């Protein structure tokens, strides 16, 4: 009986961990995309100023 409980405990724990880490990976990817987008926007905003300063 304990072996069955242990099996299902490990089984469901593994499934929950997969979903948890999948969600964490998705959140991490979204955060990185957002940061990259913000950095890119700042670069685009600062480029015209740099060109004016160079001339």
PDB file of N, CA and C in Angstrom:
ATOM      1  N   UNK A   1       0.824  -1.196   0.000  1.00  0.00           N
ATOM      2  CA  UNK A   1       0.000   0.000   0.000  1.00  0.00           C
ATOM      3  C   UNK A   1       0.868   1.261   0.000  1.00  0.00           C
ATOM      4  N   UNK A   2       1.929   1.249   0.783  1.00  0.00           N
ATOM      5  CA  UNK A   2       2.823   2.399   0.837  1.00  0.00           C
ATOM      6  C   UNK A   2       3.511   2.630  -0.504  1.00  0.00           C
ATOM      7  N   UNK A   3       3.814   1.533  -1.193  1.00  0.00           N
ATOM      8  CA  UNK A   3       4.461   1.671  -2.502  1.00  0.00           C
ATOM      9  C   UNK A   3       3.527   2.352  -3.492  1.00  0.00           C
ATOM     10  N   UNK A   4       2.251   2.003  -3.435  1.00  0.00           N
ATOM     11  CA  UNK A   4       1.273   2.637  -4.327  1.00  0.00           C
ATOM     12  C   UNK A   4       1.140   4.120  -3.994  1.00  0.00           C
ATOM     13  N   UNK A   5       1.064   4.432  -2.699  1.00  0.00           N
ATOM     14  CA  UNK A   5       0.978   5.841  -2.291  1.00  0.00           C
ATOM     15  C   UNK A   5       2.218   6.606  -2.727  1.00  0.00           C
ATOM     16  N   UNK A   6       3.363   5.993  -2.569  1.00  0.00           N
ATOM     17  CA  UNK A   6       4.615   6.634  -2.953  1.00  0.00           C
ATOM     18  C   UNK A   6       4.653   6.849  -4.472  1.00  0.00           C
ATOM     19  N   UNK A   7       4.203   5.832  -5.226  1.00  0.00           N
ATOM     20  CA  UNK A   7       4.184   5.944  -6.680  1.00  0.00           C
ATOM     21  C   UNK A   7       3.308   7.123  -7.118  1.00  0.00           C
ATOM     22  N   UNK A   8       2.069   7.189  -6.625  1.00  0.00           N
ATOM     23  CA  UNK A   8       1.170   8.263  -7.025  1.00  0.00           C
ATOM     24  C   UNK A   8       1.646   9.611  -6.515  1.00  0.00           C
ATOM     25  N   UNK A   9       2.244   9.628  -5.353  1.00  0.00           N
ATOM     26  CA  UNK A   9       2.791  10.874  -4.824  1.00  0.00           C
ATOM     27  C   UNK A   9       3.892  11.399  -5.742  1.00  0.00           C
ATOM     28  N   UNK A  10       4.802  10.523  -6.118  1.00  0.00           N
ATOM     29  CA  UNK A  10       5.889  10.918  -7.020  1.00  0.00           C
ATOM     30  C   UNK A  10       5.348  11.283  -8.402  1.00  0.00           C
ATOM     31  N   UNK A  11       4.384  10.521  -8.866  1.00  0.00           N
ATOM     32  CA  UNK A  11       3.805  10.749 -10.188  1.00  0.00           C
ATOM     33  C   UNK A  11       3.162  12.136 -10.266  1.00  0.00           C
ATOM     34  N   UNK A  12       2.284  12.431  -9.304  1.00  0.00           N
ATOM     35  CA  UNK A  12       1.604  13.719  -9.318  1.00  0.00           C
ATOM     36  C   UNK A  12       2.559  14.869  -9.001  1.00  0.00           C
ATOM     37  N   UNK A  13       3.521  14.614  -8.163  1.00  0.00           N
ATOM     38  CA  UNK A  13       4.521  15.634  -7.862  1.00  0.00           C
ATOM     39  C   UNK A  13       5.304  15.984  -9.129  1.00  0.00           C
ATOM     40  N   UNK A  14       5.650  14.960  -9.895  1.00  0.00           N
ATOM     41  CA  UNK A  14       6.372  15.190 -11.150  1.00  0.00           C
ATOM     42  C   UNK A  14       5.551  15.995 -12.139  1.00  0.00           C
ATOM     43  N   UNK A  15       4.273  15.672 -12.235  1.00  0.00           N
ATOM     44  CA  UNK A  15       3.388  16.410 -13.151  1.00  0.00           C
ATOM     45  C   UNK A  15       3.267  17.868 -12.706  1.00  0.00           C
ATOM     46  N   UNK A  16       3.058  18.075 -11.430  1.00  0.00           N
ATOM     47  CA  UNK A  16       2.926  19.444 -10.906  1.00  0.00           C
ATOM     48  C   UNK A  16       4.215  20.229 -11.146  1.00  0.00           C
ATOM     49  N   UNK A  17       5.354  19.585 -10.920  1.00  0.00           N
ATOM     50  CA  UNK A  17       6.630  20.267 -11.142  1.00  0.00           C
ATOM     51  C   UNK A  17       6.808  20.640 -12.610  1.00  0.00           C
ATOM     52  N   UNK A  18       6.396  19.767 -13.517  1.00  0.00           N
ATOM     53  CA  UNK A  18       6.497  20.098 -14.943  1.00  0.00           C
ATOM     54  C   UNK A  18       5.689  21.333 -15.266  1.00  0.00           C
ATOM     55  N   UNK A  19       4.445  21.380 -14.776  1.00  0.00           N
ATOM     56  CA  UNK A  19       3.610  22.552 -15.036  1.00  0.00           C
ATOM     57  C   UNK A  19       4.209  23.796 -14.391  1.00  0.00           C
ATOM     58  N   UNK A  20       4.721  23.638 -13.184  1.00  0.00           N
ATOM     59  CA  UNK A  20       5.285  24.782 -12.471  1.00  0.00           C
ATOM     60  C   UNK A  20       6.500  25.328 -13.213  1.00  0.00           C
ATOM     61  N   UNK A  21       7.413  24.439 -13.619  1.00  0.00           N
ATOM     62  CA  UNK A  21       8.614  24.901 -14.309  1.00  0.00           C
ATOM     63  C   UNK A  21       8.293  25.396 -15.710  1.00  0.00           C
ATOM     64  N   UNK A  22       7.285  24.803 -16.343  1.00  0.00           N
ATOM     65  CA  UNK A  22       6.860  25.293 -17.649  1.00  0.00           C
ATOM     66  C   UNK A  22       6.322  26.713 -17.525  1.00  0.00           C
ATOM     67  N   UNK A  23       5.527  26.957 -16.507  1.00  0.00           N
ATOM     68  CA  UNK A  23       4.989  28.300 -16.268  1.00  0.00           C
ATOM     69  C   UNK A  23       6.107  29.272 -15.922  1.00  0.00           C
ATOM     70  N   UNK A  24       7.071  28.821 -15.137  1.00  0.00           N
ATOM     71  CA  UNK A  24       8.188  29.691 -14.778  1.00  0.00           C
ATOM     72  C   UNK A  24       9.013  30.027 -16.016  1.00  0.00           C
ATOM     73  N   UNK A  25       9.235  29.043 -16.891  1.00  0.00           N
ATOM     74  CA  UNK A  25       9.973  29.298 -18.125  1.00  0.00           C
ATOM     75  C   UNK A  25       9.237  30.282 -19.014  1.00  0.00           C
ATOM     76  N   UNK A  26       7.925  30.123 -19.107  1.00  0.00           N
ATOM     77  CA  UNK A  26       7.123  31.037 -19.926  1.00  0.00           C
ATOM     78  C   UNK A  26       7.193  32.458 -19.368  1.00  0.00           C
ATOM     79  N   UNK A  27       7.101  32.585 -18.067  1.00  0.00           N
ATOM     80  CA  UNK A  27       7.189  33.903 -17.434  1.00  0.00           C
ATOM     81  C   UNK A  27       8.569  34.510 -17.645  1.00  0.00           C
ATOM     82  N   UNK A  28       9.598  33.689 -17.537  1.00  0.00           N
ATOM     83  CA  UNK A  28      10.966  34.167 -17.745  1.00  0.00           C
ATOM     84  C   UNK A  28      11.168  34.640 -19.184  1.00  0.00           C
ATOM     85  N   UNK A  29      10.655  33.861 -20.137  1.00  0.00           N
ATOM     86  CA  UNK A  29      10.762  34.253 -21.543  1.00  0.00           C
ATOM     87  C   UNK A  29      10.028  35.563 -21.804  1.00  0.00           C
ATOM     88  N   UNK A  30       8.838  35.696 -21.245  1.00  0.00           N
ATOM     89  CA  UNK A  30       8.056  36.915 -21.439  1.00  0.00           C
ATOM     90  C   UNK A  30       8.774  38.120 -20.838  1.00  0.00           C
ATOM     91  N   UNK A  31       9.368  37.929 -19.665  1.00  0.00           N
ATOM     92  CA  UNK A  31      10.097  39.007 -19.011  1.00  0.00           C
ATOM     93  C   UNK A  31      11.295  39.429 -19.865  1.00  0.00           C
ATOM     94  N   UNK A  32      12.024  38.458 -20.394  1.00  0.00           N
ATOM     95  CA  UNK A  32      13.183  38.783 -21.231  1.00  0.00           C
ATOM     96  C   UNK A  32      12.763  39.495 -22.510  1.00  0.00           C
ATOM     97  N   UNK A  33      11.651  39.041 -23.125  1.00  0.00           N
ATOM     98  CA  UNK A  33      11.155  39.702 -24.329  1.00  0.00           C
ATOM     99  C   UNK A  33      10.770  41.148 -24.030  1.00  0.00           C
ATOM    100  N   UNK A  34      10.121  41.362 -22.901  1.00  0.00           N
ATOM    101  CA  UNK A  34       9.707  42.708 -22.521  1.00  0.00           C
ATOM    102  C   UNK A  34      10.923  43.600 -22.301  1.00  0.00           C
ATOM    103  N   UNK A  35      11.921  43.078 -21.621  1.00  0.00           N
ATOM    104  CA  UNK A  35      13.145  43.852 -21.378  1.00  0.00           C
ATOM    105  C   UNK A  35      13.842  44.157 -22.689  1.00  0.00           C
ATOM    106  N   UNK A  36      13.934  43.157 -23.579  1.00  0.00           N
ATOM    107  CA  UNK A  36      14.564  43.384 -24.881  1.00  0.00           C
ATOM    108  C   UNK A  36      13.820  44.439 -25.679  1.00  0.00           C
ATOM    109  N   UNK A  37      12.486  44.393 -25.637  1.00  0.00           N
ATOM    110  CA  UNK A  37      11.683  45.393 -26.344  1.00  0.00           C
ATOM    111  C   UNK A  37      11.933  46.788 -25.789  1.00  0.00           C
ATOM    112  N   UNK A  38      12.009  46.900 -24.470  1.00  0.00           N
ATOM    113  CA  UNK A  38      12.252  48.202 -23.854  1.00  0.00           C
ATOM    114  C   UNK A  38      13.634  48.732 -24.205  1.00  0.00           C
ATOM    115  N   UNK A  39      14.631  47.857 -24.218  1.00  0.00           N
ATOM    116  CA  UNK A  39      15.987  48.270 -24.573  1.00  0.00           C
ATOM    117  C   UNK A  39      16.018  48.736 -26.022  1.00  0.00           C
ATOM    118  N   UNK A  40      15.349  47.997 -26.886  1.00  0.00           N
ATOM    119  CA  UNK A  40      15.300  48.366 -28.300  1.00  0.00           C
ATOM    120  C   UNK A  40      14.608  49.715 -28.495  1.00  0.00           C
ATOM    121  N   UNK A  41      13.526  49.955 -27.779  1.00  0.00           N
ATOM    122  CA  UNK A  41      12.827  51.245 -27.882  1.00  0.00           C
ATOM    123  C   UNK A  41      13.725  52.386 -27.421  1.00  0.00           C
ATOM    124  N   UNK A  42      14.462  52.163 -26.347  1.00  0.00           N
ATOM    125  CA  UNK A  42      15.363  53.215 -25.855  1.00  0.00           C
ATOM    126  C   UNK A  42      16.482  53.486 -26.839  1.00  0.00           C
ATOM    127  N   UNK A  43      16.970  52.433 -27.494  1.00  0.00           N
ATOM    128  CA  UNK A  43      18.021  52.624 -28.503  1.00  0.00           C
ATOM    129  C   UNK A  43      17.494  53.442 -29.672  1.00  0.00           C
ATOM    130  N   UNK A  44      16.264  53.134 -30.100  1.00  0.00           N
ATOM    131  CA  UNK A  44      15.682  53.876 -31.218  1.00  0.00           C
ATOM    132  C   UNK A  44      15.468  55.334 -30.853  1.00  0.00           C
ATOM    133  N   UNK A  45      15.066  55.595 -29.608  1.00  0.00           N
ATOM    134  CA  UNK A  45      14.849  56.974 -29.172  1.00  0.00           C
ATOM    135  C   UNK A  45      16.166  57.735 -29.058  1.00  0.00           C
ATOM    136  N   UNK A  46      17.221  57.062 -28.652  1.00  0.00           N
ATOM    137  CA  UNK A  46      18.492  57.748 -28.428  1.00  0.00           C
ATOM    138  C   UNK A  46      19.289  57.914 -29.719  1.00  0.00           C
ATOM    139  N   UNK A  47      19.018  57.167 -30.751  1.00  0.00           N
ATOM    140  CA  UNK A  47      19.790  57.267 -31.988  1.00  0.00           C
ATOM    141  C   UNK A  47      19.661  58.630 -32.671  1.00  0.00           C
ATOM    142  N   UNK A  48      18.470  59.182 -32.843  1.00  0.00           N
ATOM    143  CA  UNK A  48      18.395  60.508 -33.473  1.00  0.00           C
ATOM    144  C   UNK A  48      19.161  61.571 -32.701  1.00  0.00           C
ATOM    145  N   UNK A  49      19.142  61.515 -31.393  1.00  0.00           N
ATOM    146  CA  UNK A  49      19.890  62.475 -30.585  1.00  0.00           C
ATOM    147  C   UNK A  49      21.381  62.326 -30.824  1.00  0.00           C
ATOM    148  N   UNK A  50      21.846  61.062 -30.911  1.00  0.00           N
ATOM    149  CA  UNK A  50      23.261  60.824 -31.177  1.00  0.00           C
ATOM    150  C   UNK A  50      23.670  61.376 -32.530  1.00  0.00           C
ATOM    151  N   UNK A  51      22.823  61.229 -33.525  1.00  0.00           N
ATOM    152  CA  UNK A  51      23.131  61.731 -34.863  1.00  0.00           C
ATOM    153  C   UNK A  51      23.221  63.260 -34.860  1.00  0.00           C
ATOM    154  N   UNK A  52      22.325  63.907 -34.123  1.00  0.00           N
ATOM    155  CA  UNK A  52      22.362  65.364 -34.040  1.00  0.00           C
ATOM    156  C   UNK A  52      23.637  65.826 -33.325  1.00  0.00           C
ATOM    157  N   UNK A  53      24.039  65.095 -32.298  1.00  0.00           N
ATOM    158  CA  UNK A  53      25.240  65.469 -31.559  1.00  0.00           C
ATOM    159  C   UNK A  53      26.487  65.310 -32.427  1.00  0.00           C
ATOM    160  N   UNK A  54      26.490  64.345 -33.309  1.00  0.00           N
ATOM    161  CA  UNK A  54      27.674  64.092 -34.134  1.00  0.00           C
ATOM    162  C   UNK A  54      27.846  65.169 -35.202  1.00  0.00           C
ATOM    163  N   UNK A  55      26.769  65.734 -35.676  1.00  0.00           N
ATOM    164  CA  UNK A  55      26.863  66.721 -36.753  1.00  0.00           C
ATOM    165  C   UNK A  55      27.242  68.038 -36.215  1.00  0.00           C
TER     166      UNK A  55
END
